[in-house]
ModelCIF file with pLDDT and N, C-alpha, C, O atoms, coordinates in Angstrom:
data_MODEL
#
_entry.id   MODEL 
#
_entity.id                         1 
_entity.type                       polymer 
_entity.pdbx_number_of_molecules   1 
#
_entity_poly.entity_id                      1 
_entity_poly.type                           'polypeptide(L)' 
_entity_poly.nstd_linkage                   no 
_entity_poly.nstd_monomer                   no 
_entity_poly.pdbx_seq_one_letter_code       AALESERVERCARISYEVRADGPGRWFLARRNSARQSWGLTTYATRE 
_entity_poly.pdbx_seq_one_letter_code_can   AALESERVERCARISYEVRADGPGRWFLARRNSARQSWGLTTYATRE 
_entity_poly.pdbx_strand_id                 A 
#
loop_
_entity_poly_seq.entity_id 
_entity_poly_seq.num 
_entity_poly_seq.mon_id 
_entity_poly_seq.hetero 
1 1  ALA n 
1 2  ALA n 
1 3  LEU n 
1 4  GLU n 
1 5  SER n 
1 6  GLU n 
1 7  ARG n 
1 8  VAL n 
1 9  GLU n 
1 10 ARG n 
1 11 CYS n 
1 12 ALA n 
1 13 ARG n 
1 14 ILE n 
1 15 SER n 
1 16 TYR n 
1 17 GLU n 
1 18 VAL n 
1 19 ARG n 
1 20 ALA n 
1 21 ASP n 
1 22 GLY n 
1 23 PRO n 
1 24 GLY n 
1 25 ARG n 
1 26 TRP n 
1 27 PHE n 
1 28 LEU n 
1 29 ALA n 
1 30 ARG n 
1 31 ARG n 
1 32 ASN n 
1 33 SER n 
1 34 ALA n 
1 35 ARG n 
1 36 GLN n 
1 37 SER n 
1 38 TRP n 
1 39 GLY n 
1 40 LEU n 
1 41 THR n 
1 42 THR n 
1 43 TYR n 
1 44 ALA n 
1 45 THR n 
1 46 ARG n 
1 47 GLU n 
#
_struct_asym.id          A 
_struct_asym.entity_id   1 
#
loop_
_ma_qa_metric.id 
_ma_qa_metric.mode 
_ma_qa_metric.name 
_ma_qa_metric.software_group_id 
_ma_qa_metric.type 
1 global pLDDT . pLDDT 
2 local  pLDDT . pLDDT 
#
_ma_qa_metric_global.metric_id      1 
_ma_qa_metric_global.metric_value   84.94 
_ma_qa_metric_global.model_id       1 
_ma_qa_metric_global.ordinal_id     1 
#
loop_
_ma_qa_metric_local.label_asym_id 
_ma_qa_metric_local.label_comp_id 
_ma_qa_metric_local.label_seq_id 
_ma_qa_metric_local.metric_id 
_ma_qa_metric_local.metric_value 
_ma_qa_metric_local.model_id 
_ma_qa_metric_local.ordinal_id 
A ALA 1  2 93.00 1 1  
A ALA 2  2 92.00 1 2  
A LEU 3  2 92.00 1 3  
A GLU 4  2 90.00 1 4  
A SER 5  2 89.00 1 5  
A GLU 6  2 87.00 1 6  
A ARG 7  2 83.00 1 7  
A VAL 8  2 82.00 1 8  
A GLU 9  2 82.00 1 9  
A ARG 10 2 80.00 1 10 
A CYS 11 2 77.00 1 11 
A ALA 12 2 79.00 1 12 
A ARG 13 2 82.00 1 13 
A ILE 14 2 84.00 1 14 
A SER 15 2 86.00 1 15 
A TYR 16 2 88.00 1 16 
A GLU 17 2 89.00 1 17 
A VAL 18 2 91.00 1 18 
A ARG 19 2 88.00 1 19 
A ALA 20 2 88.00 1 20 
A ASP 21 2 83.00 1 21 
A GLY 22 2 82.00 1 22 
A PRO 23 2 86.00 1 23 
A GLY 24 2 83.00 1 24 
A ARG 25 2 89.00 1 25 
A TRP 26 2 91.00 1 26 
A PHE 27 2 89.00 1 27 
A LEU 28 2 90.00 1 28 
A ALA 29 2 89.00 1 29 
A ARG 30 2 87.00 1 30 
A ARG 31 2 85.00 1 31 
A ASN 32 2 80.00 1 32 
A SER 33 2 74.00 1 33 
A ALA 34 2 75.00 1 34 
A ARG 35 2 74.00 1 35 
A GLN 36 2 78.00 1 36 
A SER 37 2 76.00 1 37 
A TRP 38 2 78.00 1 38 
A GLY 39 2 77.00 1 39 
A LEU 40 2 77.00 1 40 
A THR 41 2 85.00 1 41 
A THR 42 2 88.00 1 42 
A TYR 43 2 90.00 1 43 
A ALA 44 2 90.00 1 44 
A THR 45 2 91.00 1 45 
A ARG 46 2 91.00 1 46 
A GLU 47 2 92.00 1 47 
#
loop_
_atom_site.group_PDB 
_atom_site.id 
_atom_site.type_symbol 
_atom_site.label_atom_id 
_atom_site.label_alt_id 
_atom_site.label_comp_id 
_atom_site.label_asym_id 
_atom_site.label_entity_id 
_atom_site.label_seq_id 
_atom_site.pdbx_PDB_ins_code 
_atom_site.Cartn_x 
_atom_site.Cartn_y 
_atom_site.Cartn_z 
_atom_site.occupancy 
_atom_site.B_iso_or_equiv 
_atom_site.pdbx_formal_charge 
_atom_site.auth_seq_id 
_atom_site.auth_comp_id 
_atom_site.auth_asym_id 
_atom_site.auth_atom_id 
_atom_site.pdbx_PDB_model_num 
ATOM 1   N N  . ALA A 1 1  ? 0.372  4.695   -26.187 1.00 93.00 ? 1  ALA A N  1 
ATOM 2   C CA . ALA A 1 1  ? 1.419  3.764   -25.758 1.00 93.00 ? 1  ALA A CA 1 
ATOM 3   C C  . ALA A 1 1  ? 2.269  4.374   -24.640 1.00 93.00 ? 1  ALA A C  1 
ATOM 4   O O  . ALA A 1 1  ? 2.646  3.674   -23.700 1.00 93.00 ? 1  ALA A O  1 
ATOM 5   N N  . ALA A 1 2  ? 2.570  5.663   -24.735 1.00 92.00 ? 2  ALA A N  1 
ATOM 6   C CA . ALA A 1 2  ? 3.352  6.335   -23.692 1.00 92.00 ? 2  ALA A CA 1 
ATOM 7   C C  . ALA A 1 2  ? 2.572  6.388   -22.383 1.00 92.00 ? 2  ALA A C  1 
ATOM 8   O O  . ALA A 1 2  ? 3.148  6.181   -21.315 1.00 92.00 ? 2  ALA A O  1 
ATOM 9   N N  . LEU A 1 3  ? 1.274  6.662   -22.452 1.00 92.00 ? 3  LEU A N  1 
ATOM 10  C CA . LEU A 1 3  ? 0.445  6.672   -21.249 1.00 92.00 ? 3  LEU A CA 1 
ATOM 11  C C  . LEU A 1 3  ? 0.388  5.289   -20.603 1.00 92.00 ? 3  LEU A C  1 
ATOM 12  O O  . LEU A 1 3  ? 0.468  5.169   -19.381 1.00 92.00 ? 3  LEU A O  1 
ATOM 13  N N  . GLU A 1 4  ? 0.252  4.263   -21.409 1.00 90.00 ? 4  GLU A N  1 
ATOM 14  C CA . GLU A 1 4  ? 0.200  2.898   -20.882 1.00 90.00 ? 4  GLU A CA 1 
ATOM 15  C C  . GLU A 1 4  ? 1.532  2.519   -20.233 1.00 90.00 ? 4  GLU A C  1 
ATOM 16  O O  . GLU A 1 4  ? 1.549  1.887   -19.177 1.00 90.00 ? 4  GLU A O  1 
ATOM 17  N N  . SER A 1 5  ? 2.631  2.895   -20.851 1.00 89.00 ? 5  SER A N  1 
ATOM 18  C CA . SER A 1 5  ? 3.945  2.616   -20.291 1.00 89.00 ? 5  SER A CA 1 
ATOM 19  C C  . SER A 1 5  ? 4.114  3.308   -18.940 1.00 89.00 ? 5  SER A C  1 
ATOM 20  O O  . SER A 1 5  ? 4.638  2.713   -17.999 1.00 89.00 ? 5  SER A O  1 
ATOM 21  N N  . GLU A 1 6  ? 3.677  4.546   -18.844 1.00 87.00 ? 6  GLU A N  1 
ATOM 22  C CA . GLU A 1 6  ? 3.758  5.286   -17.580 1.00 87.00 ? 6  GLU A CA 1 
ATOM 23  C C  . GLU A 1 6  ? 2.896  4.626   -16.505 1.00 87.00 ? 6  GLU A C  1 
ATOM 24  O O  . GLU A 1 6  ? 3.311  4.529   -15.350 1.00 87.00 ? 6  GLU A O  1 
ATOM 25  N N  . ARG A 1 7  ? 1.707  4.174   -16.875 1.00 83.00 ? 7  ARG A N  1 
ATOM 26  C CA . ARG A 1 7  ? 0.813  3.510   -15.932 1.00 83.00 ? 7  ARG A CA 1 
ATOM 27  C C  . ARG A 1 7  ? 1.432  2.229   -15.392 1.00 83.00 ? 7  ARG A C  1 
ATOM 28  O O  . ARG A 1 7  ? 1.360  1.960   -14.193 1.00 83.00 ? 7  ARG A O  1 
ATOM 29  N N  . VAL A 1 8  ? 2.039  1.442   -16.268 1.00 82.00 ? 8  VAL A N  1 
ATOM 30  C CA . VAL A 1 8  ? 2.670  0.187   -15.860 1.00 82.00 ? 8  VAL A CA 1 
ATOM 31  C C  . VAL A 1 8  ? 3.834  0.456   -14.915 1.00 82.00 ? 8  VAL A C  1 
ATOM 32  O O  . VAL A 1 8  ? 3.987  -0.233  -13.907 1.00 82.00 ? 8  VAL A O  1 
ATOM 33  N N  . GLU A 1 9  ? 4.653  1.447   -15.231 1.00 82.00 ? 9  GLU A N  1 
ATOM 34  C CA . GLU A 1 9  ? 5.780  1.797   -14.361 1.00 82.00 ? 9  GLU A CA 1 
ATOM 35  C C  . GLU A 1 9  ? 5.304  2.283   -12.998 1.00 82.00 ? 9  GLU A C  1 
ATOM 36  O O  . GLU A 1 9  ? 5.878  1.917   -11.973 1.00 82.00 ? 9  GLU A O  1 
ATOM 37  N N  . ARG A 1 10 ? 4.254  3.107   -12.982 1.00 80.00 ? 10 ARG A N  1 
ATOM 38  C CA . ARG A 1 10 ? 3.714  3.622   -11.729 1.00 80.00 ? 10 ARG A CA 1 
ATOM 39  C C  . ARG A 1 10 ? 3.147  2.481   -10.872 1.00 80.00 ? 10 ARG A C  1 
ATOM 40  O O  . ARG A 1 10 ? 3.363  2.454   -9.661  1.00 80.00 ? 10 ARG A O  1 
ATOM 41  N N  . CYS A 1 11 ? 2.442  1.563   -11.481 1.00 77.00 ? 11 CYS A N  1 
ATOM 42  C CA . CYS A 1 11 ? 1.887  0.424   -10.748 1.00 77.00 ? 11 CYS A CA 1 
ATOM 43  C C  . CYS A 1 11 ? 2.987  -0.476  -10.195 1.00 77.00 ? 11 CYS A C  1 
ATOM 44  O O  . CYS A 1 11 ? 2.826  -1.060  -9.123  1.00 77.00 ? 11 CYS A O  1 
ATOM 45  N N  . ALA A 1 12 ? 4.091  -0.595  -10.909 1.00 79.00 ? 12 ALA A N  1 
ATOM 46  C CA . ALA A 1 12 ? 5.191  -1.445  -10.442 1.00 79.00 ? 12 ALA A CA 1 
ATOM 47  C C  . ALA A 1 12 ? 5.828  -0.888  -9.171  1.00 79.00 ? 12 ALA A C  1 
ATOM 48  O O  . ALA A 1 12 ? 6.409  -1.637  -8.386  1.00 79.00 ? 12 ALA A O  1 
ATOM 49  N N  . ARG A 1 13 ? 5.720  0.422   -8.967  1.00 82.00 ? 13 ARG A N  1 
ATOM 50  C CA . ARG A 1 13 ? 6.324  1.046   -7.779  1.00 82.00 ? 13 ARG A CA 1 
ATOM 51  C C  . ARG A 1 13 ? 5.404  1.042   -6.563  1.00 82.00 ? 13 ARG A C  1 
ATOM 52  O O  . ARG A 1 13 ? 5.837  1.405   -5.470  1.00 82.00 ? 13 ARG A O  1 
ATOM 53  N N  . ILE A 1 14 ? 4.168  0.647   -6.725  1.00 84.00 ? 14 ILE A N  1 
ATOM 54  C CA . ILE A 1 14 ? 3.211  0.609   -5.623  1.00 84.00 ? 14 ILE A CA 1 
ATOM 55  C C  . ILE A 1 14 ? 3.444  -0.635  -4.792  1.00 84.00 ? 14 ILE A C  1 
ATOM 56  O O  . ILE A 1 14 ? 3.761  -1.699  -5.324  1.00 84.00 ? 14 ILE A O  1 
ATOM 57  N N  . SER A 1 15 ? 3.286  -0.498  -3.480  1.00 86.00 ? 15 SER A N  1 
ATOM 58  C CA . SER A 1 15 ? 3.340  -1.679  -2.619  1.00 86.00 ? 15 SER A CA 1 
ATOM 59  C C  . SER A 1 15 ? 2.260  -1.566  -1.556  1.00 86.00 ? 15 SER A C  1 
ATOM 60  O O  . SER A 1 15 ? 1.877  -0.468  -1.152  1.00 86.00 ? 15 SER A O  1 
ATOM 61  N N  . TYR A 1 16 ? 1.785  -2.695  -1.118  1.00 88.00 ? 16 TYR A N  1 
ATOM 62  C CA . TYR A 1 16 ? 0.812  -2.773  -0.039  1.00 88.00 ? 16 TYR A CA 1 
ATOM 63  C C  . TYR A 1 16 ? 1.529  -3.369  1.160   1.00 88.00 ? 16 TYR A C  1 
ATOM 64  O O  . TYR A 1 16 ? 2.125  -4.441  1.062   1.00 88.00 ? 16 TYR A O  1 
ATOM 65  N N  . GLU A 1 17 ? 1.473  -2.679  2.287   1.00 89.00 ? 17 GLU A N  1 
ATOM 66  C CA . GLU A 1 17 ? 2.231  -3.086  3.465   1.00 89.00 ? 17 GLU A CA 1 
ATOM 67  C C  . GLU A 1 17 ? 1.321  -3.141  4.682   1.00 89.00 ? 17 GLU A C  1 
ATOM 68  O O  . GLU A 1 17 ? 0.309  -2.444  4.752   1.00 89.00 ? 17 GLU A O  1 
ATOM 69  N N  . VAL A 1 18 ? 1.698  -3.983  5.639   1.00 91.00 ? 18 VAL A N  1 
ATOM 70  C CA . VAL A 1 18 ? 0.947  -4.166  6.875   1.00 91.00 ? 18 VAL A CA 1 
ATOM 71  C C  . VAL A 1 18 ? 1.804  -3.677  8.028   1.00 91.00 ? 18 VAL A C  1 
ATOM 72  O O  . VAL A 1 18 ? 3.006  -3.936  8.078   1.00 91.00 ? 18 VAL A O  1 
ATOM 73  N N  . ARG A 1 19 ? 1.166  -2.958  8.964   1.00 88.00 ? 19 ARG A N  1 
ATOM 74  C CA . ARG A 1 19 ? 1.870  -2.549  10.178  1.00 88.00 ? 19 ARG A CA 1 
ATOM 75  C C  . ARG A 1 19 ? 0.893  -2.592  11.353  1.00 88.00 ? 19 ARG A C  1 
ATOM 76  O O  . ARG A 1 19 ? -0.324 -2.538  11.174  1.00 88.00 ? 19 ARG A O  1 
ATOM 77  N N  . ALA A 1 20 ? 1.451  -2.690  12.544  1.00 88.00 ? 20 ALA A N  1 
ATOM 78  C CA . ALA A 1 20 ? 0.628  -2.733  13.751  1.00 88.00 ? 20 ALA A CA 1 
ATOM 79  C C  . ALA A 1 20 ? -0.087 -1.393  13.927  1.00 88.00 ? 20 ALA A C  1 
ATOM 80  O O  . ALA A 1 20 ? 0.484  -0.333  13.667  1.00 88.00 ? 20 ALA A O  1 
ATOM 81  N N  . ASP A 1 21 ? -1.333 -1.456  14.369  1.00 83.00 ? 21 ASP A N  1 
ATOM 82  C CA . ASP A 1 21 ? -2.139 -0.249  14.570  1.00 83.00 ? 21 ASP A CA 1 
ATOM 83  C C  . ASP A 1 21 ? -2.847 -0.340  15.923  1.00 83.00 ? 21 ASP A C  1 
ATOM 84  O O  . ASP A 1 21 ? -4.051 -0.108  16.025  1.00 83.00 ? 21 ASP A O  1 
ATOM 85  N N  . GLY A 1 22 ? -2.084 -0.679  16.946  1.00 82.00 ? 22 GLY A N  1 
ATOM 86  C CA . GLY A 1 22 ? -2.653 -0.833  18.277  1.00 82.00 ? 22 GLY A CA 1 
ATOM 87  C C  . GLY A 1 22 ? -2.782 -2.307  18.629  1.00 82.00 ? 22 GLY A C  1 
ATOM 88  O O  . GLY A 1 22 ? -2.504 -3.176  17.802  1.00 82.00 ? 22 GLY A O  1 
ATOM 89  N N  . PRO A 1 23 ? -3.198 -2.583  19.843  1.00 86.00 ? 23 PRO A N  1 
ATOM 90  C CA . PRO A 1 23 ? -3.313 -3.976  20.288  1.00 86.00 ? 23 PRO A CA 1 
ATOM 91  C C  . PRO A 1 23 ? -4.347 -4.756  19.472  1.00 86.00 ? 23 PRO A C  1 
ATOM 92  O O  . PRO A 1 23 ? -5.524 -4.398  19.433  1.00 86.00 ? 23 PRO A O  1 
ATOM 93  N N  . GLY A 1 24 ? -3.891 -5.812  18.833  1.00 83.00 ? 24 GLY A N  1 
ATOM 94  C CA . GLY A 1 24 ? -4.799 -6.675  18.080  1.00 83.00 ? 24 GLY A CA 1 
ATOM 95  C C  . GLY A 1 24 ? -5.360 -6.064  16.815  1.00 83.00 ? 24 GLY A C  1 
ATOM 96  O O  . GLY A 1 24 ? -6.373 -6.543  16.304  1.00 83.00 ? 24 GLY A O  1 
ATOM 97  N N  . ARG A 1 25 ? -4.733 -5.022  16.292  1.00 89.00 ? 25 ARG A N  1 
ATOM 98  C CA . ARG A 1 25 ? -5.207 -4.388  15.054  1.00 89.00 ? 25 ARG A CA 1 
ATOM 99  C C  . ARG A 1 25 ? -4.044 -4.264  14.088  1.00 89.00 ? 25 ARG A C  1 
ATOM 100 O O  . ARG A 1 25 ? -2.932 -3.911  14.480  1.00 89.00 ? 25 ARG A O  1 
ATOM 101 N N  . TRP A 1 26 ? -4.306 -4.553  12.836  1.00 91.00 ? 26 TRP A N  1 
ATOM 102 C CA . TRP A 1 26 ? -3.283 -4.491  11.792  1.00 91.00 ? 26 TRP A CA 1 
ATOM 103 C C  . TRP A 1 26 ? -3.788 -3.599  10.678  1.00 91.00 ? 26 TRP A C  1 
ATOM 104 O O  . TRP A 1 26 ? -4.917 -3.755  10.214  1.00 91.00 ? 26 TRP A O  1 
ATOM 105 N N  . PHE A 1 27 ? -2.961 -2.669  10.251  1.00 89.00 ? 27 PHE A N  1 
ATOM 106 C CA . PHE A 1 27 ? -3.325 -1.638  9.288   1.00 89.00 ? 27 PHE A CA 1 
ATOM 107 C C  . PHE A 1 27 ? -2.721 -1.970  7.932   1.00 89.00 ? 27 PHE A C  1 
ATOM 108 O O  . PHE A 1 27 ? -1.519 -2.220  7.832   1.00 89.00 ? 27 PHE A O  1 
ATOM 109 N N  . LEU A 1 28 ? -3.540 -1.975  6.893   1.00 90.00 ? 28 LEU A N  1 
ATOM 110 C CA . LEU A 1 28 ? -3.077 -2.197  5.524   1.00 90.00 ? 28 LEU A CA 1 
ATOM 111 C C  . LEU A 1 28 ? -2.975 -0.846  4.833   1.00 90.00 ? 28 LEU A C  1 
ATOM 112 O O  . LEU A 1 28 ? -3.946 -0.091  4.786   1.00 90.00 ? 28 LEU A O  1 
ATOM 113 N N  . ALA A 1 29 ? -1.799 -0.543  4.296   1.00 89.00 ? 29 ALA A N  1 
ATOM 114 C CA . ALA A 1 29 ? -1.557 0.739   3.643   1.00 89.00 ? 29 ALA A CA 1 
ATOM 115 C C  . ALA A 1 29 ? -1.000 0.525   2.241   1.00 89.00 ? 29 ALA A C  1 
ATOM 116 O O  . ALA A 1 29 ? -0.308 -0.456  1.969   1.00 89.00 ? 29 ALA A O  1 
ATOM 117 N N  . ARG A 1 30 ? -1.316 1.460   1.370   1.00 87.00 ? 30 ARG A N  1 
ATOM 118 C CA . ARG A 1 30 ? -0.764 1.460   0.014   1.00 87.00 ? 30 ARG A CA 1 
ATOM 119 C C  . ARG A 1 30 ? 0.308  2.535   -0.025  1.00 87.00 ? 30 ARG A C  1 
ATOM 120 O O  . ARG A 1 30 ? 0.066  3.677   0.367   1.00 87.00 ? 30 ARG A O  1 
ATOM 121 N N  . ARG A 1 31 ? 1.506  2.166   -0.504  1.00 85.00 ? 31 ARG A N  1 
ATOM 122 C CA . ARG A 1 31 ? 2.621  3.115   -0.588  1.00 85.00 ? 31 ARG A CA 1 
ATOM 123 C C  . ARG A 1 31 ? 3.023  3.313   -2.054  1.00 85.00 ? 31 ARG A C  1 
ATOM 124 O O  . ARG A 1 31 ? 3.010  2.380   -2.857  1.00 85.00 ? 31 ARG A O  1 
ATOM 125 N N  . ASN A 1 32 ? 3.381  4.562   -2.373  1.00 80.00 ? 32 ASN A N  1 
ATOM 126 C CA . ASN A 1 32 ? 3.895  4.838   -3.712  1.00 80.00 ? 32 ASN A CA 1 
ATOM 127 C C  . ASN A 1 32 ? 5.416  4.908   -3.664  1.00 80.00 ? 32 ASN A C  1 
ATOM 128 O O  . ASN A 1 32 ? 6.013  4.678   -2.612  1.00 80.00 ? 32 ASN A O  1 
ATOM 129 N N  . SER A 1 33 ? 6.040  5.218   -4.776  1.00 74.00 ? 33 SER A N  1 
ATOM 130 C CA . SER A 1 33 ? 7.507  5.221   -4.845  1.00 74.00 ? 33 SER A CA 1 
ATOM 131 C C  . SER A 1 33 ? 8.129  6.317   -3.983  1.00 74.00 ? 33 SER A C  1 
ATOM 132 O O  . SER A 1 33 ? 9.304  6.216   -3.629  1.00 74.00 ? 33 SER A O  1 
ATOM 133 N N  . ALA A 1 34 ? 7.380  7.353   -3.639  1.00 75.00 ? 34 ALA A N  1 
ATOM 134 C CA . ALA A 1 34 ? 7.877  8.417   -2.780  1.00 75.00 ? 34 ALA A CA 1 
ATOM 135 C C  . ALA A 1 34 ? 7.669  8.068   -1.305  1.00 75.00 ? 34 ALA A C  1 
ATOM 136 O O  . ALA A 1 34 ? 7.914  8.896   -0.428  1.00 75.00 ? 34 ALA A O  1 
ATOM 137 N N  . ARG A 1 35 ? 7.217  6.845   -1.036  1.00 74.00 ? 35 ARG A N  1 
ATOM 138 C CA . ARG A 1 35 ? 6.962  6.326   0.309   1.00 74.00 ? 35 ARG A CA 1 
ATOM 139 C C  . ARG A 1 35 ? 5.799  7.031   0.996   1.00 74.00 ? 35 ARG A C  1 
ATOM 140 O O  . ARG A 1 35 ? 5.669  6.957   2.218   1.00 74.00 ? 35 ARG A O  1 
ATOM 141 N N  . GLN A 1 36 ? 4.948  7.716   0.226   1.00 78.00 ? 36 GLN A N  1 
ATOM 142 C CA . GLN A 1 36 ? 3.722  8.267   0.781   1.00 78.00 ? 36 GLN A CA 1 
ATOM 143 C C  . GLN A 1 36 ? 2.761  7.108   0.991   1.00 78.00 ? 36 GLN A C  1 
ATOM 144 O O  . GLN A 1 36 ? 2.747  6.157   0.209   1.00 78.00 ? 36 GLN A O  1 
ATOM 145 N N  . SER A 1 37 ? 1.963  7.187   2.038   1.00 76.00 ? 37 SER A N  1 
ATOM 146 C CA . SER A 1 37 ? 1.100  6.080   2.397   1.00 76.00 ? 37 SER A CA 1 
ATOM 147 C C  . SER A 1 37 ? -0.350 6.530   2.481   1.00 76.00 ? 37 SER A C  1 
ATOM 148 O O  . SER A 1 37 ? -0.655 7.613   2.980   1.00 76.00 ? 37 SER A O  1 
ATOM 149 N N  . TRP A 1 38 ? -1.236 5.678   1.982   1.00 78.00 ? 38 TRP A N  1 
ATOM 150 C CA . TRP A 1 38 ? -2.671 5.892   2.095   1.00 78.00 ? 38 TRP A CA 1 
ATOM 151 C C  . TRP A 1 38 ? -3.255 4.691   2.807   1.00 78.00 ? 38 TRP A C  1 
ATOM 152 O O  . TRP A 1 38 ? -3.022 3.552   2.402   1.00 78.00 ? 38 TRP A O  1 
ATOM 153 N N  . GLY A 1 39 ? -3.998 4.929   3.847   1.00 77.00 ? 39 GLY A N  1 
ATOM 154 C CA . GLY A 1 39 ? -4.600 3.831   4.591   1.00 77.00 ? 39 GLY A CA 1 
ATOM 155 C C  . GLY A 1 39 ? -5.763 3.219   3.843   1.00 77.00 ? 39 GLY A C  1 
ATOM 156 O O  . GLY A 1 39 ? -6.558 3.915   3.213   1.00 77.00 ? 39 GLY A O  1 
ATOM 157 N N  . LEU A 1 40 ? -5.845 1.910   3.925   1.00 77.00 ? 40 LEU A N  1 
ATOM 158 C CA . LEU A 1 40 ? -6.951 1.216   3.291   1.00 77.00 ? 40 LEU A CA 1 
ATOM 159 C C  . LEU A 1 40 ? -7.959 0.731   4.329   1.00 77.00 ? 40 LEU A C  1 
ATOM 160 O O  . LEU A 1 40 ? -9.137 1.082   4.266   1.00 77.00 ? 40 LEU A O  1 
ATOM 161 N N  . THR A 1 41 ? -7.501 -0.066  5.272   1.00 85.00 ? 41 THR A N  1 
ATOM 162 C CA . THR A 1 41 ? -8.391 -0.591  6.298   1.00 85.00 ? 41 THR A CA 1 
ATOM 163 C C  . THR A 1 41 ? -7.585 -1.271  7.393   1.00 85.00 ? 41 THR A C  1 
ATOM 164 O O  . THR A 1 41 ? -6.371 -1.433  7.268   1.00 85.00 ? 41 THR A O  1 
ATOM 165 N N  . THR A 1 42 ? -8.258 -1.668  8.460   1.00 88.00 ? 42 THR A N  1 
ATOM 166 C CA . THR A 1 42 ? -7.592 -2.402  9.535   1.00 88.00 ? 42 THR A CA 1 
ATOM 167 C C  . THR A 1 42 ? -8.179 -3.807  9.616   1.00 88.00 ? 42 THR A C  1 
ATOM 168 O O  . THR A 1 42 ? -9.323 -4.048  9.231   1.00 88.00 ? 42 THR A O  1 
ATOM 169 N N  . TYR A 1 43 ? -7.364 -4.724  10.127  1.00 90.00 ? 43 TYR A N  1 
ATOM 170 C CA . TYR A 1 43 ? -7.768 -6.124  10.272  1.00 90.00 ? 43 TYR A CA 1 
ATOM 171 C C  . TYR A 1 43 ? -7.514 -6.579  11.694  1.00 90.00 ? 43 TYR A C  1 
ATOM 172 O O  . TYR A 1 43 ? -6.646 -6.039  12.380  1.00 90.00 ? 43 TYR A O  1 
ATOM 173 N N  . ALA A 1 44 ? -8.276 -7.578  12.142  1.00 90.00 ? 44 ALA A N  1 
ATOM 174 C CA . ALA A 1 44 ? -8.143 -8.091  13.507  1.00 90.00 ? 44 ALA A CA 1 
ATOM 175 C C  . ALA A 1 44 ? -6.955 -9.030  13.651  1.00 90.00 ? 44 ALA A C  1 
ATOM 176 O O  . ALA A 1 44 ? -6.417 -9.179  14.748  1.00 90.00 ? 44 ALA A O  1 
ATOM 177 N N  . THR A 1 45 ? -6.537 -9.669  12.555  1.00 91.00 ? 45 THR A N  1 
ATOM 178 C CA . THR A 1 45 ? -5.405 -10.595 12.644  1.00 91.00 ? 45 THR A CA 1 
ATOM 179 C C  . THR A 1 45 ? -4.337 -10.229 11.630  1.00 91.00 ? 45 THR A C  1 
ATOM 180 O O  . THR A 1 45 ? -4.639 -9.725  10.548  1.00 91.00 ? 45 THR A O  1 
ATOM 181 N N  . ARG A 1 46 ? -3.100 -10.482 11.982  1.00 91.00 ? 46 ARG A N  1 
ATOM 182 C CA . ARG A 1 46 ? -1.973 -10.216 11.093  1.00 91.00 ? 46 ARG A CA 1 
ATOM 183 C C  . ARG A 1 46 ? -2.069 -11.098 9.848   1.00 91.00 ? 46 ARG A C  1 
ATOM 184 O O  . ARG A 1 46 ? -1.739 -10.657 8.747   1.00 91.00 ? 46 ARG A O  1 
ATOM 185 N N  . GLU A 1 47 ? -2.520 -12.337 10.019  1.00 92.00 ? 47 GLU A N  1 
ATOM 186 C CA . GLU A 1 47 ? -2.614 -13.270 8.899   1.00 92.00 ? 47 GLU A CA 1 
ATOM 187 C C  . GLU A 1 47 ? -3.577 -12.759 7.831   1.00 92.00 ? 47 GLU A C  1 
ATOM 188 O O  . GLU A 1 47 ? -3.778 -13.422 6.813   1.00 92.00 ? 47 GLU A O  1 
#
C-alpha cells in the first residue's frame, strides 16, 4: 500500500509539455517534480 501511494503521488507530479524545437518542429518532453526533462519525440505541428 505504501509503494502504491508513492507511485500515485509520483505520477501526479509528472507533466508532459510542448516547446518549440526549431522552425516547424515541436518537442514533447516529460517533466518530473524537480523540473528535470526527458525528451520523447518531435512533431511537425503544434496541434
